[in-house]
Protein backbone atom coordinates (compact mmCIF):
# COMPACT_ATOMS: atom_id res chain seq x y z
CA MET A 1 0.00 0.00 0.00
CA LEU A 2 1.31 3.45 -0.89
CA GLU A 3 2.60 5.54 2.00
CA LEU A 4 1.28 8.80 0.52
CA ARG A 5 4.27 10.78 1.75
CA PRO A 6 3.38 14.30 2.91
CA THR A 7 5.98 16.48 1.16
CA CYS A 8 8.27 16.84 -1.84
CA GLU A 9 11.66 15.31 -1.07
CA ASN A 10 13.41 18.21 -2.81
CA CYS A 11 11.60 21.46 -1.95
CA ASN A 12 9.54 20.18 1.01
CA LYS A 13 6.27 21.47 -0.53
CA GLN A 14 3.21 20.05 1.22
CA LEU A 15 1.61 17.22 -0.79
CA PRO A 16 -1.59 16.22 1.01
CA PRO A 17 -3.21 12.87 0.15
CA ASN A 18 -5.48 14.49 -2.45
CA SER A 19 -2.70 16.49 -4.14
CA GLN A 20 -2.69 16.45 -7.92
CA GLU A 21 0.89 17.75 -7.82
CA ALA A 22 2.40 14.64 -6.17
CA MET A 23 4.59 12.51 -8.41
CA ILE A 24 6.17 9.15 -7.48
CA CYS A 25 8.66 6.70 -8.95
CA SER A 26 8.31 2.93 -8.67
CA TYR A 27 10.02 3.06 -5.25
CA GLU A 28 7.56 5.71 -4.10
CA CYS A 29 10.12 8.50 -3.98
CA THR A 30 7.84 11.55 -3.84
CA PHE A 31 8.35 14.92 -5.50
CA CYS A 32 6.11 17.77 -6.60
CA LYS A 33 5.36 18.14 -10.29
CA LYS A 34 7.34 21.39 -10.53
CA CYS A 35 10.53 19.73 -9.22
CA VAL A 36 10.01 16.67 -11.47
CA ASP A 37 9.58 18.85 -14.56
CA GLU A 38 11.98 21.73 -13.92
CA ILE A 39 14.82 20.20 -11.89
CA LEU A 40 14.73 16.41 -12.12
CA GLN A 41 13.73 16.23 -15.80
CA ASN A 42 11.65 13.10 -15.04
CA VAL A 43 14.69 11.26 -13.67
CA CYS A 44 14.43 10.08 -10.06
CA PRO A 45 17.60 11.13 -8.22
CA ASN A 46 17.39 8.01 -6.05
CA CYS A 47 16.93 5.27 -8.66
CA GLY A 48 17.10 6.80 -12.15
CA GLY A 49 13.54 5.80 -12.98
CA GLY A 50 10.73 8.03 -14.18
CA PHE A 51 7.70 9.46 -12.43
CA CYS A 52 3.93 9.22 -12.66
CA HIS A 53 1.13 10.97 -10.80
CA ARG A 54 0.55 9.53 -7.35
CA PRO A 55 -2.93 7.98 -7.09
CA ILE A 56 -5.43 9.63 -4.76
CA ARG A 57 -6.83 7.41 -2.02
CA PRO A 58 -10.57 7.96 -1.46
CA GLU A 59 -11.48 10.04 1.59
CA ASN A 60 -14.72 8.11 2.11
CA ASN A 61 -15.36 4.43 2.67
CA LEU A 62 -16.75 3.56 -0.75
CA LYS A 63 -15.90 -0.14 -0.55
CA ASN A 64 -14.27 -2.61 1.86
CA ASN A 65 -12.74 -0.01 4.21
CA ASN A 66 -10.22 1.01 1.53
CA TYR A 67 -10.02 4.71 2.33
CA LEU A 68 -7.93 7.30 4.17
CA GLY A 69 -9.75 6.78 7.45
CA ALA A 70 -8.69 3.12 7.59
CA HIS A 71 -5.32 3.61 5.87
CA PRO A 72 -4.08 7.14 6.61
CA ALA A 73 -1.30 8.91 4.75
CA SER A 74 2.21 8.91 6.16
CA VAL A 75 3.34 11.82 8.32
CA LYS A 76 7.05 10.99 7.94
CA ILE A 77 8.82 13.76 6.05
CA ILE A 78 11.74 12.84 3.81
CA HIS A 79 13.54 16.04 2.86
CA LYS A 80 16.73 15.47 0.85
CA PRO A 81 17.26 18.44 -1.47
CA VAL A 82 18.74 17.33 -4.77
CA ASP A 83 22.32 18.31 -5.59
CA GLU A 84 21.53 19.66 -9.05
CA LEU A 85 25.10 19.39 -10.34
CA ASN A 86 25.35 15.76 -9.25
CA HIS A 87 21.88 15.05 -10.66
CA GLN A 88 22.96 16.38 -14.06
CA THR A 89 25.44 13.49 -14.22
CA LEU A 90 22.57 11.01 -13.81
CA ILE A 91 20.51 12.87 -16.44
CA ASN A 92 23.47 12.52 -18.82
CA VAL A 93 23.63 8.76 -18.14
CA VAL A 94 19.90 8.45 -18.93
CA ASN A 95 20.63 10.41 -22.11
CA GLY A 96 17.02 11.24 -23.00
CA ARG A 97 15.77 7.64 -22.87
CA LYS A 98 12.16 7.20 -21.79
CA PRO A 99 11.62 5.54 -18.37
CA TYR A 100 10.56 2.25 -20.02
CA GLU A 101 13.88 2.17 -21.91
CA ARG A 102 16.17 2.71 -18.90
């Protein structure tokens, strides 16, 4: 089950469970859309993978207790600002390949 981390790992922007700005990689590294687009260039600084929009967990119990009330979002903040110069090296390794080609 997704943790639904509360903030962007880079800029520490708040990303509540219903945020449409939250982006995750396959390891659930969490960044805001602005950081993914403008700084990370769709390359996760932790694994080199790409990002997709984080799903939004329903606020209400629509079926089988699968909702925020039964499975709340994480409150653990992971704030590790990206070293942009170091990240550029990883972007160069990816060399414009799409996430499914990496």
